[in-house]
Amino acid sequence: MKQRNTALICACGLLILAAAMLGCARLGAVQMDWYEMWHSSVFWNLRAPRIVLSVLVGASLSVCGAAYQSIFRNPLTDPYVLGISSGASLGAAIAILLGLEAFLLGVGTCALITGLITIVLIYRIAAIGNRMHTTTLLLTGVCLTFLISAVISFLMVLNQDKMDRIIFWTMGSFASASWVEVALVAPIVLLGIGGIIYYSRDLNLLLAGSETAQSLGVEVERVKKILLVITTLMVAFSVSSCGVIGFVGLVVPHCVRLIVGADNRKVVPVSAVVGALFLLLCDTLARTAMQPSELPVGSLTSLIGAPLFIYLLYKNKKSY
């Protein structure tokens, strides 16, 4: 019965998402009716890939946030807060400076490498035995984010001719979305979501602690490594396509848990759908609110996510 309820929620969410995608496609500087939209190059070459990419990235960041919160047993973790998004953006910036944009997976590969290095650093610094100390985890993520931001700023000063492209990664935008990027990101995101759903039962057991999970048959370290590689791969390719977009992985799983509970077998698939819808709406607002100018979508998600992060810290400060 519970699986049916989850499937029903996801099915309803997908219908709403599809309707939202069609509705958002009509909005923009160029107004089109339904007939014009399907026969317009503006739709097929600009709006459609942008809409699809925002949906993929929103689902990716939300699912990764839900996974990180279970792996680290901390409801305040997400790819942005932990510094993983910033780490991946450093790789993307280095790839731009080295002229690797011309290669098919040049930016994505560099983003993946620096993203993996970041998650390894976080794990090594914050781990006490098999436990993750909440305060150390958050401080590590914040410190690494500041350090990486400083390195990226330094690189921009030394390479001012490429500054505008690097700024793109630090603020987050889908303005340059294309079908090529969709083709690169889609397989990673869809396979990654499938992998995390497959391990959702193990994520539930990890919430009870490594010792408990081990006693119930979970190969804890192996599962953690697999999930960290999957999530970092998803974050890296998401960042390589649109830059750093913060707090999606914090806001969406938290809201989803208020609706469906803490069972990751429900949280992960529902977060994918809600995250896709959330980022689609944020990006639509970013490109239509101040026409013909455009807002960075990362700023909008931070305006929503940062207050929620502060609220969660305040609400749970006694337990911390």
C-alpha atoms as a PDB file:
ATOM      1  CA  MET A   1       0.000   0.000   0.000  1.00  0.00           C
ATOM      2  CA  LYS A   2       2.836   2.392   0.881  1.00  0.00           C
ATOM      3  CA  GLN A   3       4.577   1.697  -2.433  1.00  0.00           C
ATOM      4  CA  ARG A   4       1.315   2.417  -4.249  1.00  0.00           C
ATOM      5  CA  ASN A   5       0.966   5.725  -2.405  1.00  0.00           C
ATOM      6  CA  THR A   6       4.532   6.678  -3.347  1.00  0.00           C
ATOM      7  CA  ALA A   7       3.911   5.739  -6.979  1.00  0.00           C
ATOM      8  CA  LEU A   8       0.691   7.779  -6.971  1.00  0.00           C
ATOM      9  CA  ILE A   9       2.456  10.833  -5.502  1.00  0.00           C
ATOM     10  CA  CYS A  10       5.238  10.563  -8.096  1.00  0.00           C
ATOM     11  CA  ALA A  11       2.744  10.107 -10.933  1.00  0.00           C
ATOM     12  CA  CYS A  12       0.779  13.194  -9.861  1.00  0.00           C
ATOM     13  CA  GLY A  13       4.024  15.104  -9.455  1.00  0.00           C
ATOM     14  CA  LEU A  14       5.180  14.121 -12.947  1.00  0.00           C
ATOM     15  CA  LEU A  15       1.881  15.306 -14.444  1.00  0.00           C
ATOM     16  CA  ILE A  16       2.247  18.651 -12.654  1.00  0.00           C
ATOM     17  CA  LEU A  17       5.873  18.857 -13.787  1.00  0.00           C
ATOM     18  CA  ALA A  18       4.921  18.188 -17.425  1.00  0.00           C
ATOM     19  CA  ALA A  19       2.211  20.863 -17.296  1.00  0.00           C
ATOM     20  CA  ALA A  20       4.654  23.316 -15.699  1.00  0.00           C
ATOM     21  CA  MET A  21       7.255  22.626 -18.398  1.00  0.00           C
ATOM     22  CA  LEU A  22       4.729  23.408 -21.128  1.00  0.00           C
ATOM     23  CA  GLY A  23       3.497  26.509 -19.322  1.00  0.00           C
ATOM     24  CA  CYS A  24       7.001  27.837 -18.666  1.00  0.00           C
ATOM     25  CA  ALA A  25       7.947  27.271 -22.308  1.00  0.00           C
ATOM     26  CA  ARG A  26       5.486  29.982 -23.344  1.00  0.00           C
ATOM     27  CA  LEU A  27       6.929  32.560 -20.973  1.00  0.00           C
ATOM     28  CA  GLY A  28       9.766  34.826 -22.020  1.00  0.00           C
ATOM     29  CA  ALA A  29      10.774  37.894 -23.977  1.00  0.00           C
ATOM     30  CA  VAL A  30       9.181  36.400 -27.105  1.00  0.00           C
ATOM     31  CA  GLN A  31       5.487  35.664 -26.487  1.00  0.00           C
ATOM     32  CA  MET A  32       4.092  32.699 -28.450  1.00  0.00           C
ATOM     33  CA  ASP A  33       0.772  30.923 -28.703  1.00  0.00           C
ATOM     34  CA  TRP A  34       0.660  27.115 -28.656  1.00  0.00           C
ATOM     35  CA  TYR A  35       0.890  26.701 -32.428  1.00  0.00           C
ATOM     36  CA  GLU A  36       3.782  29.146 -32.799  1.00  0.00           C
ATOM     37  CA  MET A  37       5.649  27.529 -29.913  1.00  0.00           C
ATOM     38  CA  TRP A  38       5.843  24.090 -31.560  1.00  0.00           C
ATOM     39  CA  HIS A  39       7.077  25.601 -34.842  1.00  0.00           C
ATOM     40  CA  SER A  40       9.487  28.137 -33.372  1.00  0.00           C
ATOM     41  CA  SER A  41      13.276  27.872 -33.415  1.00  0.00           C
ATOM     42  CA  VAL A  42      13.313  29.946 -30.215  1.00  0.00           C
ATOM     43  CA  PHE A  43      11.473  27.132 -28.471  1.00  0.00           C
ATOM     44  CA  TRP A  44      13.466  24.208 -29.867  1.00  0.00           C
ATOM     45  CA  ASN A  45      16.919  25.792 -29.723  1.00  0.00           C
ATOM     46  CA  LEU A  46      16.706  27.968 -26.598  1.00  0.00           C
ATOM     47  CA  ARG A  47      13.774  27.329 -24.273  1.00  0.00           C
ATOM     48  CA  ALA A  48      13.311  23.557 -24.611  1.00  0.00           C
ATOM     49  CA  PRO A  49      16.911  22.547 -23.777  1.00  0.00           C
ATOM     50  CA  ARG A  50      16.976  25.090 -20.958  1.00  0.00           C
ATOM     51  CA  ILE A  51      13.759  23.731 -19.452  1.00  0.00           C
ATOM     52  CA  VAL A  52      14.875  20.104 -19.742  1.00  0.00           C
ATOM     53  CA  LEU A  53      18.315  20.881 -18.261  1.00  0.00           C
ATOM     54  CA  SER A  54      16.823  22.766 -15.292  1.00  0.00           C
ATOM     55  CA  VAL A  55      14.529  19.804 -14.602  1.00  0.00           C
ATOM     56  CA  LEU A  56      17.457  17.355 -14.709  1.00  0.00           C
ATOM     57  CA  VAL A  57      19.681  19.491 -12.476  1.00  0.00           C
ATOM     58  CA  GLY A  58      16.875  20.137  -9.990  1.00  0.00           C
ATOM     59  CA  ALA A  59      16.184  16.410  -9.677  1.00  0.00           C
ATOM     60  CA  SER A  60      19.912  15.677  -9.385  1.00  0.00           C
ATOM     61  CA  LEU A  61      20.685  18.185  -6.627  1.00  0.00           C
ATOM     62  CA  SER A  62      17.573  17.247  -4.624  1.00  0.00           C
ATOM     63  CA  VAL A  63      18.285  13.522  -4.696  1.00  0.00           C
ATOM     64  CA  CYS A  64      21.952  14.100  -3.843  1.00  0.00           C
ATOM     65  CA  GLY A  65      20.911  16.269  -0.908  1.00  0.00           C
ATOM     66  CA  ALA A  66      18.616  13.529   0.400  1.00  0.00           C
ATOM     67  CA  ALA A  67      21.419  10.970   0.042  1.00  0.00           C
ATOM     68  CA  TYR A  68      24.031  13.143   1.789  1.00  0.00           C
ATOM     69  CA  GLN A  69      21.670  13.814   4.685  1.00  0.00           C
ATOM     70  CA  SER A  70      21.324  10.067   5.269  1.00  0.00           C
ATOM     71  CA  ILE A  71      24.983   9.205   4.682  1.00  0.00           C
ATOM     72  CA  PHE A  72      26.200  11.872   7.100  1.00  0.00           C
ATOM     73  CA  ARG A  73      23.130  11.563   9.380  1.00  0.00           C
ATOM     74  CA  ASN A  74      22.637  15.316   9.269  1.00  0.00           C
ATOM     75  CA  PRO A  75      19.522  17.099   7.884  1.00  0.00           C
ATOM     76  CA  LEU A  76      21.549  20.252   7.178  1.00  0.00           C
ATOM     77  CA  THR A  77      23.890  18.798   4.555  1.00  0.00           C
ATOM     78  CA  ASP A  78      23.585  19.267   0.820  1.00  0.00           C
ATOM     79  CA  PRO A  79      26.085  19.569  -2.070  1.00  0.00           C
ATOM     80  CA  TYR A  80      26.276  23.360  -1.648  1.00  0.00           C
ATOM     81  CA  VAL A  81      26.626  23.546   2.139  1.00  0.00           C
ATOM     82  CA  LEU A  82      29.250  20.786   2.125  1.00  0.00           C
ATOM     83  CA  GLY A  83      31.293  22.647  -0.484  1.00  0.00           C
ATOM     84  CA  ILE A  84      31.017  19.887  -3.088  1.00  0.00           C
ATOM     85  CA  SER A  85      29.324  22.173  -5.627  1.00  0.00           C
ATOM     86  CA  SER A  86      32.070  24.752  -5.103  1.00  0.00           C
ATOM     87  CA  GLY A  87      34.711  22.060  -5.465  1.00  0.00           C
ATOM     88  CA  ALA A  88      33.215  20.935  -8.757  1.00  0.00           C
ATOM     89  CA  SER A  89      33.017  24.558  -9.947  1.00  0.00           C
ATOM     90  CA  LEU A  90      36.762  24.920  -9.309  1.00  0.00           C
ATOM     91  CA  GLY A  91      37.382  22.043 -11.694  1.00  0.00           C
ATOM     92  CA  ALA A  92      35.102  23.656 -14.259  1.00  0.00           C
ATOM     93  CA  ALA A  93      36.995  26.958 -13.914  1.00  0.00           C
ATOM     94  CA  ILE A  94      40.341  25.197 -14.372  1.00  0.00           C
ATOM     95  CA  ALA A  95      38.987  23.445 -17.466  1.00  0.00           C
ATOM     96  CA  ILE A  96      37.930  26.806 -18.924  1.00  0.00           C
ATOM     97  CA  LEU A  97      41.364  28.302 -18.294  1.00  0.00           C
ATOM     98  CA  LEU A  98      43.088  25.307 -19.900  1.00  0.00           C
ATOM     99  CA  GLY A  99      40.839  25.510 -22.947  1.00  0.00           C
ATOM    100  CA  LEU A 100      39.206  22.124 -22.338  1.00  0.00           C
ATOM    101  CA  GLU A 101      35.716  23.372 -23.237  1.00  0.00           C
ATOM    102  CA  ALA A 102      36.268  22.125 -26.792  1.00  0.00           C
ATOM    103  CA  PHE A 103      36.535  18.533 -25.560  1.00  0.00           C
ATOM    104  CA  LEU A 104      33.318  16.587 -25.064  1.00  0.00           C
ATOM    105  CA  LEU A 105      33.812  15.736 -21.381  1.00  0.00           C
ATOM    106  CA  GLY A 106      36.593  18.207 -20.596  1.00  0.00           C
ATOM    107  CA  VAL A 107      34.699  20.433 -18.172  1.00  0.00           C
ATOM    108  CA  GLY A 108      32.700  17.561 -16.663  1.00  0.00           C
ATOM    109  CA  THR A 109      35.803  15.458 -16.037  1.00  0.00           C
ATOM    110  CA  CYS A 110      37.648  18.279 -14.284  1.00  0.00           C
ATOM    111  CA  ALA A 111      34.548  19.079 -12.219  1.00  0.00           C
ATOM    112  CA  LEU A 112      34.268  15.414 -11.238  1.00  0.00           C
ATOM    113  CA  ILE A 113      37.914  15.196 -10.131  1.00  0.00           C
ATOM    114  CA  THR A 114      37.797  18.292  -7.930  1.00  0.00           C
ATOM    115  CA  GLY A 115      34.366  17.283  -6.600  1.00  0.00           C
ATOM    116  CA  LEU A 116      35.725  13.896  -5.541  1.00  0.00           C
ATOM    117  CA  ILE A 117      38.765  15.520  -3.926  1.00  0.00           C
ATOM    118  CA  THR A 118      36.447  17.834  -1.987  1.00  0.00           C
ATOM    119  CA  ILE A 119      34.251  15.028  -0.650  1.00  0.00           C
ATOM    120  CA  VAL A 120      37.344  13.016   0.386  1.00  0.00           C
ATOM    121  CA  LEU A 121      38.722  16.037   2.270  1.00  0.00           C
ATOM    122  CA  ILE A 122      35.400  16.591   4.019  1.00  0.00           C
ATOM    123  CA  TYR A 123      35.151  12.941   5.026  1.00  0.00           C
ATOM    124  CA  ARG A 124      38.738  12.828   6.321  1.00  0.00           C
ATOM    125  CA  ILE A 125      38.479  16.050   8.307  1.00  0.00           C
ATOM    126  CA  ALA A 126      35.005  15.566   9.806  1.00  0.00           C
ATOM    127  CA  ALA A 127      35.129  11.832  10.548  1.00  0.00           C
ATOM    128  CA  ILE A 128      35.820  10.648  14.090  1.00  0.00           C
ATOM    129  CA  GLY A 129      36.124   6.909  13.668  1.00  0.00           C
ATOM    130  CA  ASN A 130      32.955   5.950  11.823  1.00  0.00           C
ATOM    131  CA  ARG A 131      30.996   8.957  13.103  1.00  0.00           C
ATOM    132  CA  MET A 132      30.512  12.364  11.530  1.00  0.00           C
ATOM    133  CA  HIS A 133      30.484  15.249  14.003  1.00  0.00           C
ATOM    134  CA  THR A 134      27.811  17.747  12.938  1.00  0.00           C
ATOM    135  CA  THR A 135      29.647  20.939  13.859  1.00  0.00           C
ATOM    136  CA  THR A 136      32.917  19.769  12.291  1.00  0.00           C
ATOM    137  CA  LEU A 137      31.062  18.698   9.151  1.00  0.00           C
ATOM    138  CA  LEU A 138      29.351  22.057   8.655  1.00  0.00           C
ATOM    139  CA  LEU A 139      32.451  24.086   9.494  1.00  0.00           C
ATOM    140  CA  THR A 140      34.534  21.996   7.110  1.00  0.00           C
ATOM    141  CA  GLY A 141      32.075  22.602   4.295  1.00  0.00           C
ATOM    142  CA  VAL A 142      31.891  26.352   4.978  1.00  0.00           C
ATOM    143  CA  CYS A 143      35.688  26.696   5.213  1.00  0.00           C
ATOM    144  CA  LEU A 144      36.280  24.752   2.006  1.00  0.00           C
ATOM    145  CA  THR A 145      33.658  26.849   0.218  1.00  0.00           C
ATOM    146  CA  PHE A 146      35.434  30.067   1.242  1.00  0.00           C
ATOM    147  CA  LEU A 147      38.829  28.621   0.307  1.00  0.00           C
ATOM    148  CA  ILE A 148      37.634  27.499  -3.117  1.00  0.00           C
ATOM    149  CA  SER A 149      35.902  30.843  -3.722  1.00  0.00           C
ATOM    150  CA  ALA A 150      39.177  32.600  -2.933  1.00  0.00           C
ATOM    151  CA  VAL A 151      41.067  30.351  -5.372  1.00  0.00           C
ATOM    152  CA  ILE A 152      38.504  30.974  -8.121  1.00  0.00           C
ATOM    153  CA  SER A 153      38.675  34.758  -7.491  1.00  0.00           C
ATOM    154  CA  PHE A 154      42.457  34.585  -7.745  1.00  0.00           C
ATOM    155  CA  LEU A 155      42.192  32.696 -11.043  1.00  0.00           C
ATOM    156  CA  MET A 156      39.766  35.314 -12.392  1.00  0.00           C
ATOM    157  CA  VAL A 157      42.150  38.159 -11.539  1.00  0.00           C
ATOM    158  CA  LEU A 158      44.996  36.392 -13.336  1.00  0.00           C
ATOM    159  CA  ASN A 159      42.823  35.578 -16.365  1.00  0.00           C
ATOM    160  CA  GLN A 160      40.536  38.569 -16.837  1.00  0.00           C
ATOM    161  CA  ASP A 161      39.867  37.690 -20.483  1.00  0.00           C
ATOM    162  CA  LYS A 162      37.995  34.599 -19.292  1.00  0.00           C
ATOM    163  CA  MET A 163      36.480  36.186 -16.199  1.00  0.00           C
ATOM    164  CA  ASP A 164      32.927  36.342 -17.551  1.00  0.00           C
ATOM    165  CA  ARG A 165      32.832  32.618 -18.242  1.00  0.00           C
ATOM    166  CA  ILE A 166      34.175  31.777 -14.769  1.00  0.00           C
ATOM    167  CA  ILE A 167      31.652  34.122 -13.124  1.00  0.00           C
ATOM    168  CA  PHE A 168      28.975  32.078 -14.884  1.00  0.00           C
ATOM    169  CA  TRP A 169      29.963  29.045 -12.791  1.00  0.00           C
ATOM    170  CA  THR A 170      29.989  30.921  -9.504  1.00  0.00           C
ATOM    171  CA  MET A 171      26.479  32.404  -9.884  1.00  0.00           C
ATOM    172  CA  GLY A 172      24.589  29.616 -11.635  1.00  0.00           C
ATOM    173  CA  SER A 173      22.645  30.040 -14.854  1.00  0.00           C
ATOM    174  CA  PHE A 174      20.950  28.002 -17.566  1.00  0.00           C
ATOM    175  CA  ALA A 175      21.332  30.756 -20.166  1.00  0.00           C
ATOM    176  CA  SER A 176      23.766  28.742 -22.300  1.00  0.00           C
ATOM    177  CA  ALA A 177      21.852  25.449 -22.097  1.00  0.00           C
ATOM    178  CA  SER A 178      21.966  23.307 -25.237  1.00  0.00           C
ATOM    179  CA  TRP A 179      20.885  19.860 -26.341  1.00  0.00           C
ATOM    180  CA  VAL A 180      24.517  18.735 -26.186  1.00  0.00           C
ATOM    181  CA  GLU A 181      24.615  19.500 -22.446  1.00  0.00           C
ATOM    182  CA  VAL A 182      21.259  17.782 -21.972  1.00  0.00           C
ATOM    183  CA  ALA A 183      22.628  14.681 -23.714  1.00  0.00           C
ATOM    184  CA  LEU A 184      25.683  14.668 -21.423  1.00  0.00           C
ATOM    185  CA  VAL A 185      23.849  15.324 -18.158  1.00  0.00           C
ATOM    186  CA  ALA A 186      20.700  13.201 -18.680  1.00  0.00           C
ATOM    187  CA  PRO A 187      22.299   9.702 -18.588  1.00  0.00           C
ATOM    188  CA  ILE A 188      24.373  10.530 -15.490  1.00  0.00           C
ATOM    189  CA  VAL A 189      21.403  12.005 -13.626  1.00  0.00           C
ATOM    190  CA  LEU A 190      18.872   9.312 -14.566  1.00  0.00           C
ATOM    191  CA  LEU A 191      21.243   6.420 -13.837  1.00  0.00           C
ATOM    192  CA  GLY A 192      22.368   8.138 -10.633  1.00  0.00           C
ATOM    193  CA  ILE A 193      18.803   8.575  -9.385  1.00  0.00           C
ATOM    194  CA  GLY A 194      18.127   4.940 -10.185  1.00  0.00           C
ATOM    195  CA  GLY A 195      21.229   3.891  -8.238  1.00  0.00           C
ATOM    196  CA  ILE A 196      20.273   5.942  -5.172  1.00  0.00           C
ATOM    197  CA  ILE A 197      16.726   4.560  -5.250  1.00  0.00           C
ATOM    198  CA  TYR A 198      18.264   1.057  -5.355  1.00  0.00           C
ATOM    199  CA  TYR A 199      20.238   1.842  -2.173  1.00  0.00           C
ATOM    200  CA  SER A 200      17.380   3.703  -0.454  1.00  0.00           C
ATOM    201  CA  ARG A 201      16.818   0.859   2.023  1.00  0.00           C
ATOM    202  CA  ASP A 202      20.506   0.988   2.981  1.00  0.00           C
ATOM    203  CA  LEU A 203      20.198   4.757   3.421  1.00  0.00           C
ATOM    204  CA  ASN A 204      17.390   4.151   5.916  1.00  0.00           C
ATOM    205  CA  LEU A 205      19.626   1.811   7.905  1.00  0.00           C
ATOM    206  CA  LEU A 206      22.558   4.254   7.783  1.00  0.00           C
ATOM    207  CA  LEU A 207      20.339   6.788   9.558  1.00  0.00           C
ATOM    208  CA  ALA A 208      20.315   4.439  12.545  1.00  0.00           C
ATOM    209  CA  GLY A 209      24.116   4.491  12.714  1.00  0.00           C
ATOM    210  CA  SER A 210      26.969   2.586  11.106  1.00  0.00           C
ATOM    211  CA  GLU A 211      27.076  -0.082  13.820  1.00  0.00           C
ATOM    212  CA  THR A 212      23.355  -0.784  13.575  1.00  0.00           C
ATOM    213  CA  ALA A 213      23.456  -0.869   9.784  1.00  0.00           C
ATOM    214  CA  GLN A 214      26.433  -3.240   9.874  1.00  0.00           C
ATOM    215  CA  SER A 215      24.607  -5.584  12.246  1.00  0.00           C
ATOM    216  CA  LEU A 216      21.635  -5.648   9.857  1.00  0.00           C
ATOM    217  CA  GLY A 217      23.762  -6.780   6.933  1.00  0.00           C
ATOM    218  CA  VAL A 218      24.773  -3.495   5.269  1.00  0.00           C
ATOM    219  CA  GLU A 219      28.364  -3.300   4.021  1.00  0.00           C
ATOM    220  CA  VAL A 220      28.609   0.227   5.406  1.00  0.00           C
ATOM    221  CA  GLU A 221      31.902   1.467   3.986  1.00  0.00           C
ATOM    222  CA  ARG A 222      31.268  -0.091   0.577  1.00  0.00           C
ATOM    223  CA  VAL A 223      27.767   1.393   0.349  1.00  0.00           C
ATOM    224  CA  LYS A 224      29.007   4.815   1.472  1.00  0.00           C
ATOM    225  CA  LYS A 225      31.776   4.833  -1.133  1.00  0.00           C
ATOM    226  CA  ILE A 226      29.414   3.780  -3.916  1.00  0.00           C
ATOM    227  CA  LEU A 227      26.855   6.426  -2.965  1.00  0.00           C
ATOM    228  CA  LEU A 228      29.487   9.148  -2.599  1.00  0.00           C
ATOM    229  CA  VAL A 229      30.868   8.368  -6.053  1.00  0.00           C
ATOM    230  CA  ILE A 230      27.365   8.346  -7.589  1.00  0.00           C
ATOM    231  CA  THR A 231      26.303  11.612  -5.937  1.00  0.00           C
ATOM    232  CA  THR A 232      29.579  13.388  -6.660  1.00  0.00           C
ATOM    233  CA  LEU A 233      29.347  12.327 -10.297  1.00  0.00           C
ATOM    234  CA  MET A 234      25.809  13.725 -10.477  1.00  0.00           C
ATOM    235  CA  VAL A 235      26.797  17.004  -8.799  1.00  0.00           C
ATOM    236  CA  ALA A 236      29.898  17.399 -10.972  1.00  0.00           C
ATOM    237  CA  PHE A 237      28.028  17.043 -14.254  1.00  0.00           C
ATOM    238  CA  SER A 238      25.208  19.259 -12.992  1.00  0.00           C
ATOM    239  CA  VAL A 239      27.671  21.993 -12.014  1.00  0.00           C
ATOM    240  CA  SER A 240      29.564  21.639 -15.293  1.00  0.00           C
ATOM    241  CA  SER A 241      26.357  22.425 -17.206  1.00  0.00           C
ATOM    242  CA  CYS A 242      24.967  25.348 -15.203  1.00  0.00           C
ATOM    243  CA  GLY A 243      27.393  26.455 -12.480  1.00  0.00           C
ATOM    244  CA  VAL A 244      26.845  26.525  -8.724  1.00  0.00           C
ATOM    245  CA  ILE A 245      23.197  26.486  -7.610  1.00  0.00           C
ATOM    246  CA  GLY A 246      22.849  26.388  -3.867  1.00  0.00           C
ATOM    247  CA  PHE A 247      20.423  25.017  -1.274  1.00  0.00           C
ATOM    248  CA  VAL A 248      18.217  22.972  -3.645  1.00  0.00           C
ATOM    249  CA  GLY A 249      19.438  19.804  -1.948  1.00  0.00           C
ATOM    250  CA  LEU A 250      18.593  21.278   1.445  1.00  0.00           C
ATOM    251  CA  VAL A 251      15.178  22.816   0.772  1.00  0.00           C
ATOM    252  CA  VAL A 252      13.542  20.058  -1.262  1.00  0.00           C
ATOM    253  CA  PRO A 253      14.308  16.907   0.816  1.00  0.00           C
ATOM    254  CA  HIS A 254      13.370  18.742   4.017  1.00  0.00           C
ATOM    255  CA  CYS A 255       9.989  19.769   2.592  1.00  0.00           C
ATOM    256  CA  VAL A 256       9.411  16.306   1.120  1.00  0.00           C
ATOM    257  CA  ARG A 257      10.016  14.652   4.502  1.00  0.00           C
ATOM    258  CA  LEU A 258       7.324  16.845   6.020  1.00  0.00           C
ATOM    259  CA  ILE A 259       4.888  15.305   3.521  1.00  0.00           C
ATOM    260  CA  VAL A 260       5.931  11.658   3.086  1.00  0.00           C
ATOM    261  CA  GLY A 261       7.992  10.955   6.216  1.00  0.00           C
ATOM    262  CA  ALA A 262      11.627   9.942   6.620  1.00  0.00           C
ATOM    263  CA  ASP A 263      11.605   6.696   4.591  1.00  0.00           C
ATOM    264  CA  ASN A 264      14.147   7.188   1.793  1.00  0.00           C
ATOM    265  CA  ARG A 265      12.229   4.756  -0.409  1.00  0.00           C
ATOM    266  CA  LYS A 266       9.672   7.569  -0.605  1.00  0.00           C
ATOM    267  CA  VAL A 267      11.909  10.602  -0.052  1.00  0.00           C
ATOM    268  CA  VAL A 268      14.327   9.918  -2.935  1.00  0.00           C
ATOM    269  CA  PRO A 269      11.843   9.526  -5.836  1.00  0.00           C
ATOM    270  CA  VAL A 270       9.521  12.270  -4.577  1.00  0.00           C
ATOM    271  CA  SER A 271      12.505  14.607  -4.067  1.00  0.00           C
ATOM    272  CA  ALA A 272      13.515  14.024  -7.688  1.00  0.00           C
ATOM    273  CA  VAL A 273      10.118  15.200  -8.944  1.00  0.00           C
ATOM    274  CA  VAL A 274       9.724  18.100  -6.499  1.00  0.00           C
ATOM    275  CA  GLY A 275      13.338  19.243  -7.053  1.00  0.00           C
ATOM    276  CA  ALA A 276      12.821  19.266 -10.810  1.00  0.00           C
ATOM    277  CA  LEU A 277       9.670  21.375 -10.414  1.00  0.00           C
ATOM    278  CA  PHE A 278      11.314  23.721  -7.889  1.00  0.00           C
ATOM    279  CA  LEU A 279      14.328  24.549 -10.051  1.00  0.00           C
ATOM    280  CA  LEU A 280      12.197  24.834 -13.195  1.00  0.00           C
ATOM    281  CA  LEU A 281      10.048  27.492 -11.512  1.00  0.00           C
ATOM    282  CA  CYS A 282      13.105  29.291 -10.076  1.00  0.00           C
ATOM    283  CA  ASP A 283      14.767  29.423 -13.500  1.00  0.00           C
ATOM    284  CA  THR A 284      11.567  30.626 -15.173  1.00  0.00           C
ATOM    285  CA  LEU A 285      11.330  33.417 -12.604  1.00  0.00           C
ATOM    286  CA  ALA A 286      15.017  34.238 -13.127  1.00  0.00           C
ATOM    287  CA  ARG A 287      14.618  34.715 -16.872  1.00  0.00           C
ATOM    288  CA  THR A 288      11.253  36.521 -16.838  1.00  0.00           C
ATOM    289  CA  ALA A 289      11.242  38.731 -13.718  1.00  0.00           C
ATOM    290  CA  MET A 290      13.465  41.492 -15.130  1.00  0.00           C
ATOM    291  CA  GLN A 291      13.181  41.178 -18.898  1.00  0.00           C
ATOM    292  CA  PRO A 292      15.241  41.679 -20.998  1.00  0.00           C
ATOM    293  CA  SER A 293      17.828  41.224 -18.226  1.00  0.00           C
ATOM    294  CA  GLU A 294      18.193  37.915 -16.440  1.00  0.00           C
ATOM    295  CA  LEU A 295      18.792  37.044 -12.795  1.00  0.00           C
ATOM    296  CA  PRO A 296      21.225  34.283 -11.802  1.00  0.00           C
ATOM    297  CA  VAL A 297      19.105  31.350 -10.694  1.00  0.00           C
ATOM    298  CA  GLY A 298      21.607  30.545  -7.941  1.00  0.00           C
ATOM    299  CA  SER A 299      20.718  33.832  -6.245  1.00  0.00           C
ATOM    300  CA  LEU A 300      17.017  32.932  -6.146  1.00  0.00           C
ATOM    301  CA  THR A 301      17.595  29.470  -4.689  1.00  0.00           C
ATOM    302  CA  SER A 302      19.917  30.982  -2.055  1.00  0.00           C
ATOM    303  CA  LEU A 303      17.288  33.577  -1.120  1.00  0.00           C
ATOM    304  CA  ILE A 304      14.934  30.694  -0.349  1.00  0.00           C
ATOM    305  CA  GLY A 305      17.433  28.200   1.025  1.00  0.00           C
ATOM    306  CA  ALA A 306      19.584  30.372   3.280  1.00  0.00           C
ATOM    307  CA  PRO A 307      16.696  31.490   5.565  1.00  0.00           C
ATOM    308  CA  LEU A 308      15.531  27.869   5.815  1.00  0.00           C
ATOM    309  CA  PHE A 309      19.076  26.799   6.716  1.00  0.00           C
ATOM    310  CA  ILE A 310      19.202  29.424   9.472  1.00  0.00           C
ATOM    311  CA  TYR A 311      15.785  28.321  10.734  1.00  0.00           C
ATOM    312  CA  LEU A 312      16.862  24.675  10.903  1.00  0.00           C
ATOM    313  CA  LEU A 313      20.046  25.629  12.745  1.00  0.00           C
ATOM    314  CA  TYR A 314      18.039  27.676  15.253  1.00  0.00           C
ATOM    315  CA  LYS A 315      15.403  24.979  15.684  1.00  0.00           C
ATOM    316  CA  ASN A 316      17.971  22.243  16.327  1.00  0.00           C
ATOM    317  CA  LYS A 317      20.665  24.225  18.156  1.00  0.00           C
ATOM    318  CA  LYS A 318      20.078  22.453  21.482  1.00  0.00           C
ATOM    319  CA  SER A 319      20.690  19.025  19.978  1.00  0.00           C
ATOM    320  CA  TYR A 320      23.845  20.340  18.281  1.00  0.00           C
END
